[in-house]
Amino acid sequence: MKLAWLIILLYFPLLVHAQSTGARYRIEFTDKVGSAYDLSHPENFLSERALSRRTRYHIPLEEKDLPVSAVYLDSLKKHGFKVLYTSRWFNFATVAVVSPEDTAGVSEWNFVRSIRLTRPENVLKSAESKWVDIKVPATKSAQSEPDDTYGYSSEQVAQLNGKILHENGFKGQGMLIAILDAGFRAANQLTVFDSLFFQNRMLGTRDFVNPQSDVFQEYQHGMNVLSLMAANSPGTLIGTAPDASYYLIRTEDENSEYPVEMDNYIAGLELGDSIGADVINASLGYFIFDDPADNLSYDELDGKTLMITRAVELAEKKGMIVCVSAGNEGDNAWQHIIAPADANEILSMAAVNIAGERARFSSIGPSADGRIKPEVAACGWDAWIQKYPNEIGTSNGTSFASPLVAGLTTCLWQKYPEKTSAEIIDAVIQSASQYDLPDNYLGYGIPDFEKASLLLQETVTKDKSEKQWKVSPNPFVNNIRLEYQGPGLLDDTSATCILLNGTGTILKEERLSGRIQWLNPGSLPSGLYFLQVITKGVTENHKLIKK
């Protein structure tokens, strides 16, 4: 097994062996014929930790897990393309091309499904920095003095009622968090991270932007984010998962904005899967690019259109929890959440101050298909972070709300390892301050991690004869989520759901497939409804309230 894991560690560097000049192209393949791997020996392309996660949560291996065809990659290399990395889930390679003329005719190759330019050869630095600190009035409620234990981070952790997890010994031990970001400057030198390195809990780094780079010499945004989870300096700054292990992945180029960064993000998610990460935090998002032709439309933020959004959902299906920032566009013309915050089965975060007041810059939901977004909120207005070069100070952005929640979600999962990623996410959402009356500004509100823990404890002691389908939320506002908890797998003929009003009139009927399904009941008046779910000939009934 150790030899197999060594092969995995070597597999990615071989694909990203050198920093290259030239344009970037995504070349999508038609199939995986010629792959050097097969599903009967997953230890050759997934780590022992990743396989253990699949076994624990009964997640089957599928063709999407197989690496791309080595035969196809060899053909690209012989044509003069430099293969930078590949995507198992979407069966593509990102390549560097010195001369765009070299791509002529590639789309006609019999194993190529499509080819797309994702970054031009000549890249101009963005006119406006995407990392400029957001200017909002300082909040009077911000913590001004450190306490003896949590330092300046005391109130932002307490706002989420997260200290109770730490006090009970759940600080992330044995859990692995992967962070996708733009760089982690000086994280290997700052004292707030000393224990992370001294205890060998920094498990690795990867740079998909510039493979020759040192992520600790790149931009500091990822270091700021890391400090909200991993900082462990009593009396100065304590993160929300101070004893977890970490893997740092650079996917973002701070100097430009092109679609290749979304492909880097996908590669980062897949690396997180391969190494067996439990939680992924990505305080990144997309909607506008340096070339306006690449800009996204709001209609695309529907949870199913964008590849990056589908990748985040796949990460959840592989057993991970993905936490993302909702975006900082609330007081701009765009206003909406940004991709991939539109994904299903994730936690996207709005920003508030310590008093629970929404930051005006925090992006607004819903998703284009009407789902509540963002999911929850945390301190992203005057959040205390580690700054570069060596200062503890406040900063603003949903980028900082996300890791606060991600770290405590990790600790919660540490306490309840038998629970699935979906169950952990549901508990976080159901614990939130406005769960019964969500909105498009803070979603379900500010989580209470003590309450989330109690909710999970209740389910641990439930009768094992509970229903096969979990239906939530109840009461519901827009969409209804159905999660299959019964034995075996479902195909598209196994289950049907029927929504009826209080008089028994059928309002909607749909086939169900897969473990998780969303039902959009359309515009309904408030009141009592019934949902019948028929699974392999067995009918169960659920009573629902529409707010």
Protein backbone atom coordinates (compact mmCIF):
# COMPACT_ATOMS: atom_id res chain seq x y z
CA MET A 1 0.00 0.00 0.00
CA LYS A 2 2.86 2.41 0.82
CA LEU A 3 4.37 1.76 -2.62
CA ALA A 4 1.01 2.46 -4.25
CA TRP A 5 0.72 5.76 -2.37
CA LEU A 6 4.20 6.70 -3.52
CA ILE A 7 3.04 6.09 -7.09
CA ILE A 8 0.11 8.44 -6.48
CA LEU A 9 2.37 11.14 -5.10
CA LEU A 10 4.58 10.82 -8.15
CA TYR A 11 1.68 10.71 -10.58
CA PHE A 12 0.74 14.39 -10.27
CA PRO A 13 4.31 15.77 -10.45
CA LEU A 14 4.87 13.88 -13.68
CA LEU A 15 1.94 15.76 -15.13
CA VAL A 16 3.07 19.12 -13.78
CA HIS A 17 6.78 18.74 -14.19
CA ALA A 18 7.69 22.21 -15.35
CA GLN A 19 6.50 25.77 -15.45
CA SER A 20 5.62 26.48 -19.04
CA THR A 21 4.99 29.50 -21.17
CA GLY A 22 2.26 29.69 -23.75
CA ALA A 23 -1.49 29.55 -23.86
CA ARG A 24 -3.54 27.07 -21.83
CA TYR A 25 -6.07 24.76 -23.42
CA ARG A 26 -8.50 22.25 -21.95
CA ILE A 27 -8.64 19.13 -24.13
CA GLU A 28 -11.54 16.85 -23.24
CA PHE A 29 -11.38 13.19 -24.23
CA THR A 30 -14.14 10.93 -25.50
CA ASP A 31 -13.33 7.95 -23.23
CA LYS A 32 -10.65 6.36 -21.07
CA VAL A 33 -9.49 3.64 -23.44
CA GLY A 34 -5.83 2.99 -22.74
CA SER A 35 -5.90 4.04 -19.08
CA ALA A 36 -3.09 2.32 -17.20
CA TYR A 37 -5.40 1.79 -14.22
CA ASP A 38 -8.50 -0.24 -13.44
CA LEU A 39 -11.13 -0.21 -10.72
CA SER A 40 -10.04 -3.58 -9.37
CA HIS A 41 -6.81 -1.97 -8.10
CA PRO A 42 -7.82 1.47 -6.82
CA GLU A 43 -4.80 1.54 -4.51
CA ASN A 44 -2.77 2.48 -7.58
CA PHE A 45 -4.49 5.85 -7.98
CA LEU A 46 -6.19 6.60 -4.66
CA SER A 47 -4.52 6.84 -1.27
CA GLU A 48 -5.28 4.44 1.56
CA ARG A 49 -7.02 7.31 3.33
CA ALA A 50 -9.23 8.01 0.30
CA LEU A 51 -10.17 4.34 -0.01
CA SER A 52 -10.93 4.14 3.70
CA ARG A 53 -13.37 7.03 3.31
CA ARG A 54 -15.16 5.27 0.47
CA THR A 55 -15.41 2.08 2.48
CA ARG A 56 -16.66 3.84 5.60
CA TYR A 57 -19.45 5.66 3.79
CA HIS A 58 -20.27 2.92 1.26
CA ILE A 59 -19.24 5.03 -1.74
CA PRO A 60 -18.75 2.85 -4.83
CA LEU A 61 -15.88 3.32 -7.23
CA GLU A 62 -16.86 4.38 -10.74
CA GLU A 63 -15.23 5.14 -14.06
CA LYS A 64 -14.92 8.81 -13.10
CA ASP A 65 -12.35 7.73 -10.51
CA LEU A 66 -10.00 6.31 -13.15
CA PRO A 67 -7.12 8.49 -14.38
CA VAL A 68 -7.26 9.56 -18.03
CA SER A 69 -5.82 7.49 -20.83
CA ALA A 70 -2.02 7.41 -20.88
CA VAL A 71 -2.24 6.68 -24.61
CA TYR A 72 -4.07 9.97 -25.21
CA LEU A 73 -1.63 11.89 -23.06
CA ASP A 74 1.28 10.45 -25.03
CA SER A 75 -0.37 11.62 -28.24
CA LEU A 76 -0.63 15.15 -26.87
CA LYS A 77 3.02 15.16 -25.82
CA LYS A 78 4.17 13.86 -29.20
CA HIS A 79 2.28 16.73 -30.79
CA GLY A 80 4.36 19.17 -28.75
CA PHE A 81 1.84 19.97 -26.03
CA LYS A 82 3.03 20.14 -22.43
CA VAL A 83 0.57 18.32 -20.18
CA LEU A 84 0.21 20.30 -16.94
CA TYR A 85 -2.45 18.24 -15.20
CA THR A 86 -5.51 16.11 -15.87
CA SER A 87 -9.04 15.71 -14.54
CA ARG A 88 -10.25 12.20 -13.76
CA TRP A 89 -13.82 13.32 -13.11
CA PHE A 90 -14.26 15.25 -16.36
CA ASN A 91 -11.72 13.35 -18.47
CA PHE A 92 -9.65 16.28 -19.71
CA ALA A 93 -6.07 17.49 -19.77
CA THR A 94 -4.87 21.05 -19.36
CA VAL A 95 -1.95 21.69 -21.68
CA ALA A 96 0.45 24.51 -22.43
CA VAL A 97 0.71 25.38 -26.11
CA VAL A 98 3.54 27.57 -27.36
CA SER A 99 1.97 28.30 -30.74
CA PRO A 100 -1.84 28.46 -31.12
CA GLU A 101 -1.39 27.18 -34.68
CA ASP A 102 -0.45 23.83 -33.15
CA THR A 103 -4.05 23.32 -32.05
CA ALA A 104 -5.35 23.31 -35.63
CA GLY A 105 -7.11 20.06 -36.36
CA VAL A 106 -6.90 18.73 -32.81
CA SER A 107 -10.68 18.87 -32.42
CA GLU A 108 -10.91 16.34 -35.28
CA TRP A 109 -8.80 13.70 -33.53
CA ASN A 110 -10.94 10.65 -32.88
CA PHE A 111 -10.34 10.65 -29.12
CA VAL A 112 -10.90 14.40 -28.60
CA ARG A 113 -14.38 15.53 -27.57
CA SER A 114 -13.56 19.23 -27.42
CA ILE A 115 -10.75 21.76 -27.08
CA ARG A 116 -11.09 25.16 -25.46
CA LEU A 117 -8.70 28.06 -24.88
CA THR A 118 -8.68 28.73 -21.14
CA ARG A 119 -5.89 31.31 -20.97
CA PRO A 120 -4.28 33.23 -23.84
CA GLU A 121 -0.55 33.29 -24.44
CA ASN A 122 -0.20 36.99 -23.71
CA VAL A 123 -1.74 37.66 -20.33
CA LEU A 124 -2.25 41.20 -19.14
CA LYS A 125 -2.44 41.77 -15.42
CA SER A 126 -5.95 42.58 -14.32
CA ALA A 127 -6.55 46.30 -14.15
CA GLU A 128 -8.05 45.99 -10.68
CA SER A 129 -6.67 43.67 -8.04
CA LYS A 130 -9.16 40.98 -7.06
CA TRP A 131 -7.54 40.81 -3.65
CA VAL A 132 -7.89 44.46 -2.62
CA ASP A 133 -9.12 44.72 0.97
CA ILE A 134 -12.83 45.47 1.02
CA LYS A 135 -13.54 48.85 2.57
CA VAL A 136 -16.43 48.93 5.00
CA PRO A 137 -16.85 50.93 8.20
CA ALA A 138 -15.18 49.32 11.18
CA THR A 139 -17.80 47.64 13.32
CA LYS A 140 -18.04 48.90 16.88
CA SER A 141 -18.76 45.38 18.09
CA ALA A 142 -15.42 44.00 16.89
CA GLN A 143 -13.25 42.49 19.61
CA SER A 144 -10.62 45.03 20.64
CA GLU A 145 -8.64 43.16 23.29
CA PRO A 146 -7.38 39.55 23.27
CA ASP A 147 -8.40 37.07 25.93
CA ASP A 148 -5.97 34.70 27.61
CA THR A 149 -6.85 31.63 25.55
CA TYR A 150 -8.30 32.50 22.15
CA GLY A 151 -6.65 35.89 21.86
CA TYR A 152 -8.28 38.12 19.27
CA SER A 153 -10.24 35.23 17.78
CA SER A 154 -12.31 34.62 20.89
CA GLU A 155 -15.55 36.29 19.82
CA GLN A 156 -15.57 35.05 16.22
CA VAL A 157 -15.30 31.46 17.48
CA ALA A 158 -17.81 32.07 20.26
CA GLN A 159 -20.31 33.53 17.78
CA LEU A 160 -20.56 30.04 16.26
CA ASN A 161 -20.67 28.43 19.72
CA GLY A 162 -17.60 26.49 18.67
CA LYS A 163 -15.58 26.57 21.87
CA ILE A 164 -17.68 23.76 23.32
CA LEU A 165 -16.25 21.37 20.70
CA HIS A 166 -12.70 22.39 21.59
CA GLU A 167 -13.37 22.12 25.32
CA ASN A 168 -14.61 18.57 24.78
CA GLY A 169 -11.40 17.65 23.00
CA PHE A 170 -12.52 17.99 19.37
CA LYS A 171 -10.00 20.28 17.71
CA GLY A 172 -9.62 18.45 14.40
CA GLN A 173 -7.18 15.72 15.45
CA GLY A 174 -6.87 13.06 12.77
CA MET A 175 -8.87 15.08 10.23
CA LEU A 176 -7.43 16.43 6.98
CA ILE A 177 -8.39 19.81 5.54
CA ALA A 178 -7.32 20.81 2.02
CA ILE A 179 -7.26 24.52 1.19
CA LEU A 180 -7.54 25.83 -2.37
CA ASP A 181 -6.26 29.38 -2.65
CA ALA A 182 -3.83 31.82 -4.26
CA GLY A 183 -0.75 31.27 -2.13
CA PHE A 184 0.32 30.87 1.48
CA ARG A 185 3.10 33.41 1.87
CA ALA A 186 5.32 32.95 4.93
CA ALA A 187 3.00 30.40 6.56
CA ASN A 188 6.09 28.25 7.18
CA GLN A 189 7.73 31.09 9.12
CA LEU A 190 4.97 32.64 11.24
CA THR A 191 4.73 31.64 14.90
CA VAL A 192 0.93 31.16 14.87
CA PHE A 193 1.56 28.08 12.69
CA ASP A 194 4.51 26.66 14.65
CA SER A 195 2.62 23.68 16.05
CA LEU A 196 1.33 22.80 12.58
CA PHE A 197 4.88 22.27 11.36
CA PHE A 198 6.50 21.02 14.58
CA GLN A 199 3.84 18.30 14.89
CA ASN A 200 4.14 17.34 11.21
CA ARG A 201 0.51 18.13 10.48
CA MET A 202 1.40 20.07 7.32
CA LEU A 203 1.05 17.10 4.99
CA GLY A 204 1.94 18.70 1.68
CA THR A 205 1.57 21.45 -0.89
CA ARG A 206 0.81 21.62 -4.61
CA ASP A 207 0.86 24.49 -7.08
CA PHE A 208 -1.35 24.12 -10.17
CA VAL A 209 -0.61 27.69 -11.33
CA ASN A 210 3.17 27.43 -11.43
CA PRO A 211 4.45 23.94 -10.61
CA GLN A 212 7.97 25.25 -10.02
CA SER A 213 6.81 27.71 -7.41
CA ASP A 214 6.94 27.55 -3.63
CA VAL A 215 3.42 28.20 -2.31
CA PHE A 216 4.98 29.80 0.79
CA GLN A 217 6.42 32.54 -1.43
CA GLU A 218 3.24 33.26 -3.33
CA TYR A 219 0.35 35.56 -2.44
CA GLN A 220 -0.74 35.76 1.21
CA HIS A 221 -4.52 35.31 0.87
CA GLY A 222 -4.33 31.57 1.53
CA MET A 223 -2.17 32.19 4.58
CA ASN A 224 -4.82 34.58 5.93
CA VAL A 225 -7.46 31.90 5.37
CA LEU A 226 -5.29 29.20 6.94
CA SER A 227 -4.90 31.30 10.09
CA LEU A 228 -8.65 31.19 10.75
CA MET A 229 -8.48 27.40 11.00
CA ALA A 230 -4.94 26.36 11.89
CA ALA A 231 -3.57 29.20 14.04
CA ASN A 232 -2.57 27.91 17.47
CA SER A 233 -1.05 30.74 19.46
CA PRO A 234 -2.79 30.98 22.86
CA GLY A 235 -3.51 34.54 23.88
CA THR A 236 -3.01 35.73 20.31
CA LEU A 237 -5.00 33.75 17.74
CA ILE A 238 -6.65 30.33 17.82
CA GLY A 239 -8.23 28.85 14.70
CA THR A 240 -11.38 26.78 14.54
CA ALA A 241 -9.51 23.52 13.82
CA PRO A 242 -6.11 24.08 15.48
CA ASP A 243 -5.14 20.40 15.69
CA ALA A 244 -6.21 19.24 12.20
CA SER A 245 -3.78 18.30 9.44
CA TYR A 246 -3.58 20.45 6.32
CA TYR A 247 -2.71 20.23 2.65
CA LEU A 248 -2.21 23.55 0.82
CA ILE A 249 -3.10 23.75 -2.87
CA ARG A 250 -2.54 26.83 -5.03
CA THR A 251 -5.12 27.04 -7.82
CA GLU A 252 -5.55 30.81 -8.16
CA ASP A 253 -3.33 33.25 -10.08
CA GLU A 254 -3.63 36.53 -8.21
CA ASN A 255 -2.44 38.53 -11.22
CA SER A 256 -5.14 37.60 -13.74
CA GLU A 257 -8.57 36.02 -14.11
CA TYR A 258 -9.10 33.41 -16.82
CA PRO A 259 -11.17 30.19 -17.00
CA VAL A 260 -8.03 28.09 -16.50
CA GLU A 261 -8.32 28.95 -12.81
CA MET A 262 -11.64 27.11 -12.64
CA ASP A 263 -9.89 24.09 -14.16
CA ASN A 264 -7.08 24.48 -11.60
CA TYR A 265 -9.80 24.46 -8.93
CA ILE A 266 -11.20 21.19 -10.31
CA ALA A 267 -7.73 19.67 -10.24
CA GLY A 268 -7.39 20.84 -6.64
CA LEU A 269 -10.66 19.16 -5.66
CA GLU A 270 -9.54 15.92 -7.27
CA LEU A 271 -6.20 16.08 -5.50
CA GLY A 272 -8.12 16.55 -2.24
CA ASP A 273 -10.07 13.42 -3.08
CA SER A 274 -6.91 11.44 -3.94
CA ILE A 275 -5.12 12.28 -0.70
CA GLY A 276 -8.20 11.53 1.39
CA ALA A 277 -9.14 15.03 2.54
CA ASP A 278 -12.21 15.21 4.77
CA VAL A 279 -13.00 18.90 4.26
CA ILE A 280 -12.03 21.33 1.53
CA ASN A 281 -12.12 25.10 1.99
CA ALA A 282 -12.02 27.28 -1.12
CA SER A 283 -12.38 30.99 -0.47
CA LEU A 284 -12.45 31.61 -4.21
CA GLY A 285 -15.17 32.27 -6.75
CA TYR A 286 -15.85 33.29 -10.32
CA PHE A 287 -18.21 35.34 -12.44
CA ILE A 288 -16.15 37.96 -14.32
CA PHE A 289 -12.92 37.44 -16.27
CA ASP A 290 -10.24 39.52 -17.96
CA ASP A 291 -11.76 38.62 -21.31
CA PRO A 292 -15.44 39.67 -21.16
CA ALA A 293 -16.32 36.87 -23.58
CA ASP A 294 -15.61 34.45 -20.71
CA ASN A 295 -17.91 36.15 -18.20
CA LEU A 296 -20.56 34.02 -16.55
CA SER A 297 -24.25 34.82 -16.58
CA TYR A 298 -26.48 34.53 -13.53
CA ASP A 299 -28.58 31.93 -15.35
CA GLU A 300 -25.57 29.60 -15.31
CA LEU A 301 -25.52 29.60 -11.50
CA ASP A 302 -28.21 26.92 -11.33
CA GLY A 303 -26.25 24.13 -9.64
CA LYS A 304 -25.86 22.04 -12.78
CA THR A 305 -24.51 24.05 -15.71
CA LEU A 306 -20.94 25.03 -14.82
CA MET A 307 -18.24 22.37 -14.71
CA ILE A 308 -16.70 23.86 -11.55
CA THR A 309 -20.07 23.65 -9.79
CA ARG A 310 -20.56 20.05 -10.84
CA ALA A 311 -17.04 19.29 -9.60
CA VAL A 312 -17.89 20.60 -6.14
CA GLU A 313 -20.96 18.38 -6.05
CA LEU A 314 -18.86 15.42 -7.15
CA ALA A 315 -16.49 16.12 -4.28
CA GLU A 316 -19.43 15.75 -1.89
CA LYS A 317 -20.50 12.53 -3.58
CA LYS A 318 -16.97 11.23 -2.99
CA GLY A 319 -17.52 11.80 0.71
CA MET A 320 -15.97 15.22 1.32
CA ILE A 321 -17.46 18.44 2.68
CA VAL A 322 -16.72 21.54 0.60
CA CYS A 323 -16.95 25.00 2.17
CA VAL A 324 -16.86 28.08 -0.06
CA SER A 325 -17.26 31.83 0.18
CA ALA A 326 -20.50 33.20 -1.25
CA GLY A 327 -18.75 36.20 -2.83
CA ASN A 328 -18.20 39.88 -2.12
CA GLU A 329 -20.51 41.35 -4.75
CA GLY A 330 -23.48 42.37 -2.57
CA ASP A 331 -22.99 46.10 -3.07
CA ASN A 332 -21.82 45.84 -6.69
CA ALA A 333 -23.89 45.73 -9.86
CA TRP A 334 -23.68 41.91 -9.97
CA GLN A 335 -24.91 41.41 -6.35
CA HIS A 336 -25.41 37.64 -6.74
CA ILE A 337 -23.47 34.73 -5.31
CA ILE A 338 -20.58 33.60 -7.51
CA ALA A 339 -19.58 30.15 -8.78
CA PRO A 340 -19.31 27.55 -7.38
CA ALA A 341 -21.42 28.77 -4.44
CA ASP A 342 -24.47 27.69 -6.48
CA ALA A 343 -23.61 24.01 -5.99
CA ASN A 344 -25.90 21.62 -4.16
CA GLU A 345 -24.76 19.83 -0.99
CA ILE A 346 -22.13 22.37 0.09
CA LEU A 347 -21.77 25.09 2.68
CA SER A 348 -21.47 28.55 1.13
CA MET A 349 -20.89 31.39 3.56
CA ALA A 350 -22.19 34.93 3.91
CA ALA A 351 -20.33 37.51 6.01
CA VAL A 352 -21.55 39.21 9.20
CA ASN A 353 -19.92 41.16 11.99
CA ILE A 354 -19.70 39.96 15.59
CA ALA A 355 -23.10 41.52 16.30
CA GLY A 356 -24.60 39.31 13.57
CA GLU A 357 -25.22 42.19 11.17
CA ARG A 358 -24.84 41.37 7.49
CA ALA A 359 -21.86 42.91 5.72
CA ARG A 360 -23.15 44.97 2.83
CA PHE A 361 -20.61 43.42 0.44
CA SER A 362 -21.79 39.85 1.12
CA SER A 363 -23.21 38.30 -2.06
CA ILE A 364 -26.93 37.67 -2.29
CA GLY A 365 -28.89 34.55 -3.24
CA PRO A 366 -30.81 32.67 -4.35
CA SER A 367 -29.22 30.40 -6.93
CA ALA A 368 -30.59 30.85 -10.45
CA ASP A 369 -32.93 27.90 -9.90
CA GLY A 370 -34.36 29.38 -6.71
CA ARG A 371 -32.54 27.50 -3.93
CA ILE A 372 -31.66 29.26 -0.68
CA LYS A 373 -28.16 30.70 -0.97
CA PRO A 374 -25.88 31.24 0.81
CA GLU A 375 -26.36 28.42 3.30
CA VAL A 376 -25.02 30.02 6.48
CA ALA A 377 -23.06 33.02 7.77
CA ALA A 378 -20.02 33.75 9.95
CA CYS A 379 -17.74 36.64 10.80
CA GLY A 380 -16.27 38.14 7.64
CA TRP A 381 -16.59 41.78 8.62
CA ASP A 382 -13.67 42.76 10.85
CA ALA A 383 -12.52 39.15 11.15
CA TRP A 384 -9.26 38.73 13.04
CA ILE A 385 -6.57 37.04 10.93
CA GLN A 386 -2.83 36.60 10.64
CA LYS A 387 -1.57 39.21 8.16
CA TYR A 388 1.67 39.50 6.21
CA PRO A 389 4.44 40.11 7.11
CA ASN A 390 3.76 39.51 10.82
CA GLU A 391 0.71 41.27 12.21
CA ILE A 392 -2.57 40.19 13.78
CA GLY A 393 -5.30 42.42 12.40
CA THR A 394 -8.81 42.57 10.98
CA SER A 395 -9.93 42.15 7.41
CA ASN A 396 -13.15 41.82 5.44
CA GLY A 397 -14.62 39.30 3.04
CA THR A 398 -16.68 36.15 2.79
CA SER A 399 -13.25 34.55 2.25
CA PHE A 400 -12.83 34.71 6.02
CA ALA A 401 -16.33 33.55 6.95
CA SER A 402 -15.83 30.28 5.09
CA PRO A 403 -12.79 28.92 6.98
CA LEU A 404 -14.34 29.74 10.34
CA VAL A 405 -17.23 27.43 9.51
CA ALA A 406 -15.02 24.89 7.72
CA GLY A 407 -12.80 24.39 10.75
CA LEU A 408 -15.66 23.85 13.20
CA THR A 409 -17.44 21.59 10.71
CA THR A 410 -14.26 19.50 10.69
CA CYS A 411 -14.30 19.27 14.48
CA LEU A 412 -17.98 18.33 14.45
CA TRP A 413 -17.28 15.53 11.98
CA GLN A 414 -14.39 14.37 14.14
CA LYS A 415 -16.91 13.91 16.95
CA TYR A 416 -19.37 12.01 14.74
CA PRO A 417 -17.20 10.09 12.24
CA GLU A 418 -20.01 7.64 11.45
CA LYS A 419 -22.09 10.44 9.94
CA THR A 420 -21.99 11.15 6.21
CA SER A 421 -20.93 14.48 4.75
CA ALA A 422 -24.58 15.22 3.94
CA GLU A 423 -25.65 14.55 7.52
CA ILE A 424 -22.97 16.86 8.90
CA ILE A 425 -23.96 19.62 6.47
CA ASP A 426 -27.62 19.20 7.38
CA ALA A 427 -26.84 19.48 11.09
CA VAL A 428 -24.87 22.69 10.56
CA ILE A 429 -27.72 24.20 8.55
CA GLN A 430 -30.44 23.05 10.95
CA SER A 431 -28.54 24.56 13.88
CA ALA A 432 -28.47 28.01 12.30
CA SER A 433 -30.17 31.07 13.78
CA GLN A 434 -32.87 31.52 11.13
CA TYR A 435 -33.37 27.96 9.97
CA ASP A 436 -37.16 28.28 10.20
CA LEU A 437 -37.20 31.47 8.14
CA PRO A 438 -34.21 31.60 5.78
CA ASP A 439 -33.55 34.46 3.40
CA ASN A 440 -31.27 35.30 0.48
CA TYR A 441 -28.87 37.39 2.57
CA LEU A 442 -27.71 35.10 5.40
CA GLY A 443 -29.36 31.90 4.20
CA TYR A 444 -30.26 29.83 7.25
CA GLY A 445 -28.27 32.16 9.50
CA ILE A 446 -25.36 31.79 11.92
CA PRO A 447 -24.65 28.16 12.90
CA ASP A 448 -24.59 27.01 16.51
CA PHE A 449 -22.16 24.12 16.71
CA GLU A 450 -23.29 22.97 20.12
CA LYS A 451 -26.81 22.68 18.76
CA ALA A 452 -25.52 20.90 15.64
CA SER A 453 -23.75 18.42 17.91
CA LEU A 454 -26.95 17.77 19.86
CA LEU A 455 -28.89 17.25 16.63
CA LEU A 456 -26.39 14.63 15.53
CA GLN A 457 -26.46 12.98 18.94
CA GLU A 458 -30.23 12.61 18.64
CA THR A 459 -29.88 10.83 15.31
CA VAL A 460 -27.24 8.49 16.75
CA THR A 461 -29.75 7.19 19.29
CA LYS A 462 -32.72 6.95 16.92
CA ASP A 463 -34.43 3.67 16.23
CA LYS A 464 -32.70 1.93 13.34
CA SER A 465 -36.10 1.28 11.74
CA GLU A 466 -36.46 4.91 10.69
CA LYS A 467 -37.70 5.75 7.21
CA GLN A 468 -35.57 5.17 4.13
CA TRP A 469 -35.90 8.79 2.97
CA LYS A 470 -34.90 11.88 4.91
CA VAL A 471 -36.95 14.87 3.75
CA SER A 472 -35.84 18.40 4.63
CA PRO A 473 -36.20 21.21 5.40
CA ASN A 474 -39.50 21.01 7.19
CA PRO A 475 -41.08 23.55 7.17
CA PHE A 476 -39.87 24.31 3.61
CA VAL A 477 -39.78 27.56 1.67
CA ASN A 478 -38.71 26.66 -1.86
CA ASN A 479 -37.11 23.33 -2.77
CA ILE A 480 -37.42 20.04 -0.90
CA ARG A 481 -34.35 17.84 -0.39
CA LEU A 482 -34.74 14.05 -0.36
CA GLU A 483 -31.86 11.86 0.83
CA TYR A 484 -32.03 8.10 0.44
CA GLN A 485 -30.82 6.32 3.60
CA GLY A 486 -31.95 2.82 2.77
CA PRO A 487 -29.91 -0.19 1.64
CA GLY A 488 -28.40 -0.55 -1.82
CA LEU A 489 -28.31 1.89 -4.71
CA LEU A 490 -31.12 3.43 -6.72
CA ASP A 491 -31.46 3.59 -10.47
CA ASP A 492 -33.89 5.78 -12.40
CA THR A 493 -36.72 3.24 -12.05
CA SER A 494 -36.39 2.45 -8.34
CA ALA A 495 -38.28 5.29 -6.69
CA THR A 496 -41.05 7.81 -7.29
CA CYS A 497 -42.18 10.75 -5.18
CA ILE A 498 -45.68 12.20 -5.24
CA LEU A 499 -46.55 15.57 -3.71
CA LEU A 500 -50.16 16.06 -2.61
CA ASN A 501 -52.02 18.93 -1.04
CA GLY A 502 -54.10 18.66 2.14
CA THR A 503 -57.14 17.35 0.23
CA GLY A 504 -55.18 14.56 -1.47
CA THR A 505 -54.87 16.19 -4.92
CA ILE A 506 -51.63 15.20 -6.70
CA LEU A 507 -49.57 18.32 -7.41
CA LYS A 508 -46.36 16.78 -8.72
CA GLU A 509 -44.89 13.37 -9.48
CA GLU A 510 -41.21 12.67 -10.20
CA ARG A 511 -38.85 9.74 -10.63
CA LEU A 512 -35.95 9.65 -8.16
CA SER A 513 -32.43 8.37 -8.83
CA GLY A 514 -29.25 8.62 -6.83
CA ARG A 515 -28.80 9.19 -3.14
CA ILE A 516 -29.83 12.85 -3.09
CA GLN A 517 -32.61 14.51 -5.05
CA TRP A 518 -34.08 18.02 -5.03
CA LEU A 519 -37.79 18.49 -5.66
CA ASN A 520 -38.98 21.87 -6.88
CA PRO A 521 -42.69 21.96 -6.03
CA GLY A 522 -43.28 25.25 -7.82
CA SER A 523 -45.27 28.12 -6.39
CA LEU A 524 -47.41 26.85 -3.53
CA PRO A 525 -49.47 28.62 -0.89
CA SER A 526 -48.55 28.15 2.75
CA GLY A 527 -50.11 25.15 4.42
CA LEU A 528 -50.03 21.38 4.94
CA TYR A 529 -48.76 18.99 2.23
CA PHE A 530 -48.04 15.29 1.99
CA LEU A 531 -45.13 13.60 0.22
CA GLN A 532 -45.37 9.94 -0.73
CA VAL A 533 -42.13 8.19 -1.65
CA ILE A 534 -42.45 4.77 -3.26
CA THR A 535 -39.15 2.85 -3.20
CA LYS A 536 -38.97 -0.62 -4.74
CA GLY A 537 -42.65 -1.11 -4.07
CA VAL A 538 -42.58 0.21 -0.49
CA THR A 539 -44.49 3.45 0.24
CA GLU A 540 -43.65 5.87 3.02
CA ASN A 541 -45.46 9.08 3.84
CA HIS A 542 -44.08 12.42 4.99
CA LYS A 543 -46.04 15.39 6.32
CA LEU A 544 -44.66 18.78 5.22
CA ILE A 545 -45.42 22.38 6.09
CA LYS A 546 -44.97 25.11 3.47
CA LYS A 547 -44.13 28.47 5.05
